[in-house]
Protein backbone atom coordinates (compact mmCIF):
# COMPACT_ATOMS: atom_id res chain seq x y z
CA UNK A 1 -57.37 55.81 -3.11
CA UNK A 2 -58.22 52.13 -2.85
CA UNK A 3 -59.62 50.95 0.42
CA UNK A 4 -59.96 47.51 1.98
CA UNK A 5 -57.60 44.58 2.67
CA UNK A 6 -56.10 42.13 0.22
CA UNK A 7 -54.61 38.75 1.08
CA UNK A 8 -51.79 37.16 -0.89
CA UNK A 9 -50.87 33.49 -0.26
CA UNK A 10 -47.51 32.22 -1.52
CA UNK A 11 -45.84 28.82 -1.30
CA UNK A 12 -42.03 28.81 -1.53
CA UNK A 13 -39.88 25.75 -2.14
CA UNK A 14 -36.57 26.03 -0.30
CA UNK A 15 -34.10 23.18 0.22
CA UNK A 16 -36.67 20.45 -0.29
CA UNK A 17 -39.30 21.95 2.03
CA UNK A 18 -42.35 24.03 1.40
CA UNK A 19 -41.85 26.75 4.03
CA UNK A 20 -44.48 29.16 5.33
CA UNK A 21 -43.84 32.66 6.57
CA UNK A 22 -46.53 34.99 7.82
CA UNK A 23 -46.08 38.72 8.05
CA UNK A 24 -48.45 41.63 7.92
CA UNK A 25 -47.51 44.76 6.01
CA UNK A 26 -49.74 47.82 6.35
CA UNK A 27 -49.89 50.60 3.80
CA UNK A 28 -52.28 53.48 3.57
CA UNK A 29 -54.09 51.73 0.73
CA UNK A 30 -53.95 48.07 1.68
CA UNK A 31 -52.76 45.40 4.11
CA UNK A 32 -50.92 42.28 2.88
CA UNK A 33 -50.67 38.95 4.71
CA UNK A 34 -48.00 36.50 3.41
CA UNK A 35 -48.90 32.96 4.50
CA UNK A 36 -46.88 29.81 3.68
CA UNK A 37 -47.73 26.27 4.76
CA UNK A 38 -44.97 23.93 5.95
CA UNK A 39 -45.08 20.63 4.05
CA UNK A 40 -42.26 18.02 3.99
CA UNK A 41 -40.78 17.14 0.60
CA UNK A 42 -40.49 13.39 0.03
CA UNK A 43 -37.87 12.22 -2.47
CA UNK A 44 -34.27 11.19 -3.10
CA UNK A 45 -31.35 13.38 -4.23
CA UNK A 46 -28.05 11.81 -5.31
CA UNK A 47 -24.91 13.95 -5.11
CA UNK A 48 -21.44 13.22 -6.54
CA UNK A 49 -18.33 14.79 -4.98
CA UNK A 50 -14.96 14.89 -6.69
CA UNK A 51 -11.63 13.88 -5.11
CA UNK A 52 -11.22 17.34 -3.58
CA UNK A 53 -14.59 17.03 -1.83
CA UNK A 54 -16.39 19.51 -4.09
CA UNK A 55 -19.90 18.87 -5.33
CA UNK A 56 -19.56 17.93 -9.02
CA UNK A 57 -22.90 16.46 -10.09
CA UNK A 58 -26.38 16.20 -8.61
CA UNK A 59 -29.70 14.67 -9.57
CA UNK A 60 -33.07 16.36 -9.28
CA UNK A 61 -35.27 15.15 -6.39
CA UNK A 62 -37.25 12.09 -7.43
CA UNK A 63 -39.42 9.37 -5.94
CA UNK A 64 -38.27 5.72 -6.08
CA UNK A 65 -38.15 3.71 -8.17
CA UNK A 66 -35.39 5.74 -9.77
CA UNK A 67 -32.19 5.23 -11.71
CA UNK A 68 -29.57 7.89 -11.09
CA UNK A 69 -26.68 8.34 -13.52
CA UNK A 70 -23.88 10.71 -12.57
CA UNK A 71 -20.80 11.70 -14.56
CA UNK A 72 -17.34 11.94 -13.02
CA UNK A 73 -14.77 14.64 -13.91
CA UNK A 74 -13.05 12.17 -16.30
CA UNK A 75 -16.36 11.43 -18.08
CA UNK A 76 -16.97 8.03 -16.49
CA UNK A 77 -20.40 7.07 -15.17
CA UNK A 78 -21.59 5.99 -11.75
CA UNK A 79 -25.08 4.51 -11.44
CA UNK A 80 -27.52 3.89 -8.61
CA UNK A 81 -30.84 2.12 -8.93
CA UNK A 82 -33.28 2.48 -6.02
CA UNK A 83 -36.41 0.32 -6.22
CA UNK A 84 -39.84 1.34 -5.04
CA UNK A 85 -40.49 1.53 -1.23
CA UNK A 86 -36.75 1.95 -0.52
CA UNK A 87 -35.53 5.18 1.12
CA UNK A 88 -39.00 6.55 1.67
CA UNK A 89 -38.90 10.11 2.93
CA UNK A 90 -36.43 12.98 2.30
CA UNK A 91 -33.11 11.33 1.49
CA UNK A 92 -29.73 12.47 0.27
CA UNK A 93 -27.30 9.90 -1.09
CA UNK A 94 -23.74 11.20 -1.33
CA UNK A 95 -21.05 9.56 -3.48
CA UNK A 96 -17.40 10.48 -2.87
CA UNK A 97 -14.61 9.69 -5.31
CA UNK A 98 -11.69 8.26 -3.33
CA UNK A 99 -13.69 8.41 -0.06
CA UNK A 100 -15.27 11.17 2.02
CA UNK A 101 -12.10 11.54 4.08
CA UNK A 102 -8.48 10.64 3.16
CA UNK A 103 -7.66 7.01 3.99
CA UNK A 104 -4.49 6.28 1.95
CA UNK A 105 -2.94 4.06 4.62
CA UNK A 106 -6.07 1.98 5.04
CA UNK A 107 -6.54 1.60 1.28
CA UNK A 108 -2.91 0.56 0.81
CA UNK A 109 -3.11 -1.99 3.64
CA UNK A 110 -6.32 -3.44 2.25
CA UNK A 111 -4.83 -3.62 -1.28
CA UNK A 112 -1.73 -5.42 0.01
CA UNK A 113 -3.80 -7.87 2.03
CA UNK A 114 -5.97 -8.52 -1.04
CA UNK A 115 -2.90 -9.52 -3.06
CA UNK A 116 -2.33 -12.43 -0.70
CA UNK A 117 -5.79 -13.72 -1.70
CA UNK A 118 -5.28 -13.31 -5.44
CA UNK A 119 -7.20 -10.02 -5.69
CA UNK A 120 -5.53 -7.40 -7.85
CA UNK A 121 -6.06 -3.63 -7.81
CA UNK A 122 -6.89 -2.10 -11.20
CA UNK A 123 -4.89 0.98 -12.23
CA UNK A 124 -7.28 3.89 -12.48
CA UNK A 125 -10.04 2.24 -10.42
CA UNK A 126 -10.07 4.15 -7.15
CA UNK A 127 -12.27 3.62 -4.05
CA UNK A 128 -15.74 5.17 -4.21
CA UNK A 129 -17.77 5.81 -1.05
CA UNK A 130 -21.57 5.82 -0.86
CA UNK A 131 -23.30 7.37 2.17
CA UNK A 132 -26.90 8.26 3.03
CA UNK A 133 -28.84 9.95 5.81
CA UNK A 134 -31.13 6.89 5.90
CA UNK A 135 -30.54 3.15 6.19
CA UNK A 136 -31.43 1.18 3.10
CA UNK A 137 -33.39 -1.63 4.72
CA UNK A 138 -33.24 -3.64 1.47
CA UNK A 139 -31.07 -3.95 -1.62
CA UNK A 140 -30.23 -1.29 -4.20
CA UNK A 141 -28.00 -1.62 -7.26
CA UNK A 142 -24.78 0.32 -7.66
CA UNK A 143 -22.85 0.64 -10.91
CA UNK A 144 -19.16 1.54 -11.00
CA UNK A 145 -16.94 2.27 -14.01
CA UNK A 146 -13.75 0.49 -14.98
CA UNK A 147 -10.94 2.05 -17.08
CA UNK A 148 -11.44 1.98 -20.85
CA UNK A 149 -7.80 0.91 -21.23
CA UNK A 150 -8.33 -2.31 -19.27
CA UNK A 151 -7.39 -5.50 -21.13
CA UNK A 152 -10.46 -7.39 -22.26
CA UNK A 153 -9.29 -10.64 -20.65
CA UNK A 154 -9.21 -9.00 -17.20
CA UNK A 155 -12.76 -7.63 -17.61
CA UNK A 156 -14.03 -11.19 -17.23
CA UNK A 157 -12.55 -11.37 -13.73
CA UNK A 158 -13.77 -8.01 -12.40
CA UNK A 159 -15.89 -7.69 -9.28
CA UNK A 160 -16.99 -4.97 -6.87
CA UNK A 161 -15.45 -5.23 -3.40
CA UNK A 162 -16.48 -3.38 -0.23
CA UNK A 163 -14.11 -2.31 2.51
CA UNK A 164 -14.29 -3.67 6.06
CA UNK A 165 -12.29 -0.96 7.81
CA UNK A 166 -11.84 -2.70 11.14
CA UNK A 167 -9.92 -5.52 9.46
CA UNK A 168 -8.68 -3.50 6.43
CA UNK A 169 -9.99 -6.14 4.02
CA UNK A 170 -11.74 -5.92 0.69
CA UNK A 171 -14.69 -8.35 0.55
CA UNK A 172 -16.33 -9.33 -2.71
CA UNK A 173 -19.92 -8.25 -3.31
CA UNK A 174 -22.35 -10.91 -4.43
CA UNK A 175 -24.01 -11.01 -7.84
CA UNK A 176 -21.50 -8.83 -9.73
CA UNK A 177 -22.14 -8.43 -13.43
CA UNK A 178 -20.21 -6.55 -16.11
CA UNK A 179 -21.53 -4.47 -18.99
CA UNK A 180 -18.67 -4.02 -21.52
CA UNK A 181 -20.80 -1.70 -23.68
CA UNK A 182 -20.88 0.81 -20.81
CA UNK A 183 -17.50 -0.19 -19.32
CA UNK A 184 -19.19 -0.69 -15.96
CA UNK A 185 -19.84 -3.36 -13.35
CA UNK A 186 -22.83 -3.53 -11.03
CA UNK A 187 -23.79 -5.31 -7.83
CA UNK A 188 -26.75 -5.45 -5.45
CA UNK A 189 -25.97 -4.13 -1.95
CA UNK A 190 -28.06 -3.84 1.21
CA UNK A 191 -25.98 -1.15 2.87
CA UNK A 192 -23.74 1.65 1.68
CA UNK A 193 -19.95 1.39 2.10
CA UNK A 194 -16.66 2.12 0.35
CA UNK A 195 -16.42 0.15 -2.89
CA UNK A 196 -13.67 -0.63 -5.37
CA UNK A 197 -13.50 -2.47 -8.69
CA UNK A 198 -10.83 -5.15 -8.51
CA UNK A 199 -9.91 -8.36 -10.34
CA UNK A 200 -10.39 -11.73 -8.68
CA UNK A 201 -7.96 -14.47 -9.70
CA UNK A 202 -8.87 -18.14 -9.53
CA UNK A 203 -7.72 -20.41 -6.71
CA UNK A 204 -6.80 -23.22 -9.13
CA UNK A 205 -6.26 -23.83 -12.85
CA UNK A 206 -9.11 -26.31 -13.35
CA UNK A 207 -11.31 -23.78 -15.19
CA UNK A 208 -8.81 -21.99 -17.43
CA UNK A 209 -10.43 -20.74 -20.65
CA UNK A 210 -8.47 -19.81 -23.77
CA UNK A 211 -10.35 -17.95 -26.49
CA UNK A 212 -11.00 -17.32 -29.34
CA UNK A 213 -9.86 -20.69 -30.66
CA UNK A 214 -9.18 -20.90 -33.61
CA UNK A 215 -7.24 -17.66 -33.15
CA UNK A 216 -7.33 -15.34 -36.15
CA UNK A 217 -5.26 -12.28 -35.07
CA UNK A 218 -6.72 -10.05 -37.78
CA UNK A 219 -10.28 -10.76 -36.60
CA UNK A 220 -9.94 -11.35 -32.85
CA UNK A 221 -11.19 -8.53 -30.61
CA UNK A 222 -8.11 -6.54 -29.63
CA UNK A 223 -6.03 -8.74 -31.90
CA UNK A 224 -5.21 -11.11 -29.06
CA UNK A 225 -5.87 -14.54 -27.56
CA UNK A 226 -7.22 -14.41 -24.01
CA UNK A 227 -6.37 -16.60 -21.05
CA UNK A 228 -8.85 -16.24 -18.17
CA UNK A 229 -9.50 -17.92 -14.82
CA UNK A 230 -5.79 -18.00 -14.03
CA UNK A 231 -4.38 -18.06 -10.51
CA UNK A 232 -2.79 -14.82 -9.31
CA UNK A 233 0.65 -16.41 -9.87
CA UNK A 234 1.11 -18.54 -12.97
CA UNK A 235 3.35 -19.12 -15.95
CA UNK A 236 2.15 -19.53 -19.54
CA UNK A 237 4.27 -21.36 -22.13
CA UNK A 238 3.33 -21.79 -25.79
CA UNK A 239 5.19 -24.42 -27.83
CA UNK A 240 5.27 -25.46 -31.44
CA UNK A 241 4.36 -29.08 -32.26
CA UNK A 242 8.10 -29.78 -32.58
CA UNK A 243 8.57 -28.78 -28.94
CA UNK A 244 10.21 -25.39 -29.51
CA UNK A 245 9.30 -22.71 -26.95
CA UNK A 246 7.54 -19.94 -28.85
CA UNK A 247 6.40 -17.57 -26.09
CA UNK A 248 6.24 -17.46 -22.30
CA UNK A 249 4.93 -15.08 -19.67
CA UNK A 250 5.03 -14.91 -15.90
CA UNK A 251 1.72 -13.88 -14.31
CA UNK A 252 1.69 -12.20 -10.90
CA UNK A 253 -1.16 -10.19 -9.37
CA UNK A 254 -2.61 -9.72 -12.84
CA UNK A 255 -6.21 -10.34 -11.85
CA UNK A 256 -6.22 -13.87 -13.20
CA UNK A 257 -5.95 -13.03 -16.90
CA UNK A 258 -3.39 -12.70 -19.69
CA UNK A 259 -3.28 -12.04 -23.43
CA UNK A 260 -1.18 -13.34 -26.32
CA UNK A 261 -0.87 -11.36 -29.56
CA UNK A 262 0.27 -14.23 -31.72
CA UNK A 263 3.95 -13.31 -31.59
CA UNK A 264 7.05 -15.15 -30.37
CA UNK A 265 9.45 -13.93 -27.70
CA UNK A 266 11.24 -11.89 -30.38
CA UNK A 267 7.98 -10.00 -31.09
CA UNK A 268 7.66 -11.67 -34.50
CA UNK A 269 4.27 -12.95 -35.75
CA UNK A 270 4.03 -16.73 -35.58
CA UNK A 271 2.98 -18.78 -38.62
CA UNK A 272 -0.38 -20.44 -39.02
CA UNK A 273 -0.57 -23.83 -37.36
CA UNK A 274 -1.26 -25.76 -34.19
CA UNK A 275 0.46 -24.74 -30.96
CA UNK A 276 0.45 -26.21 -27.46
CA UNK A 277 -0.02 -24.18 -24.29
CA UNK A 278 0.90 -25.14 -20.75
CA UNK A 279 -0.17 -23.03 -17.75
CA UNK A 280 1.39 -23.85 -14.38
CA UNK A 281 1.08 -22.40 -10.87
CA UNK A 282 3.46 -22.46 -7.86
CA UNK A 283 1.17 -25.13 -6.35
CA UNK A 284 2.07 -27.41 -9.27
CA UNK A 285 -1.39 -27.06 -10.71
CA UNK A 286 -1.46 -27.29 -14.49
CA UNK A 287 -3.72 -26.62 -17.49
CA UNK A 288 -2.87 -27.65 -21.05
CA UNK A 289 -4.45 -27.46 -24.47
CA UNK A 290 -4.03 -26.69 -28.15
CA UNK A 291 -4.32 -23.38 -30.03
CA UNK A 292 -5.07 -23.12 -33.73
CA UNK A 293 -3.56 -20.00 -35.28
CA UNK A 294 -4.90 -18.89 -38.66
CA UNK A 295 -3.31 -16.04 -40.60
């Protein structure tokens, strides 16, 4: 028989806390004391919830600065960069696809209101809500995906908008920047909200850009000529040098962009040569120029 007392000290990590329990257990041969010290865990966890509200992805606890990258059910990526000294203390950031609670009426009203300001919803780009148990206090960077099928011309006009629920309006975030290699757009924000990737049309036609020019369909990215910085309502006409109408397109709520694949209105490839384009808006604004097509 062994006599005497033995002490065992254990530390157990449970739900981000080091929790202590103390209990004495007496046996004929020994007595055991289990002692655990309570210590707070300091770090940030980022959780992603799918459209049904189920937890889909989660990062390990980490101290800022940190860059969290989470994958959605359709293999897109959502990013969050938290600099040093932000969100100090135990923090959980929750990201909800299509919002934490259903808001279809509010989203529809906000989308319709946005159309009146030349802001177009992007098919496949749904609202994404960020929440946290702590206020930010300073800026962090969020990164949202945009659909891979999106026309390249529209990518130039993308921005992240946040929802003001009391007025059901989408407001553009400042400093938006796109990364075509990752098919994502990012912005710096100083508070969490509901965000959505949308396309912002121009308010005039003074800054219309047409590229690439010369246009070589076999070499151009996507095989098309891009028109960007268009107003949300516009009409594009392309003429031959003899004045014949070659191609035309009405633009409405397109996100301020359009593409031409070098074909006429009969879907036939046009010949090499110089063509004229005229872009007009309902406000009688106009942009004109020449396009060189090389086959």
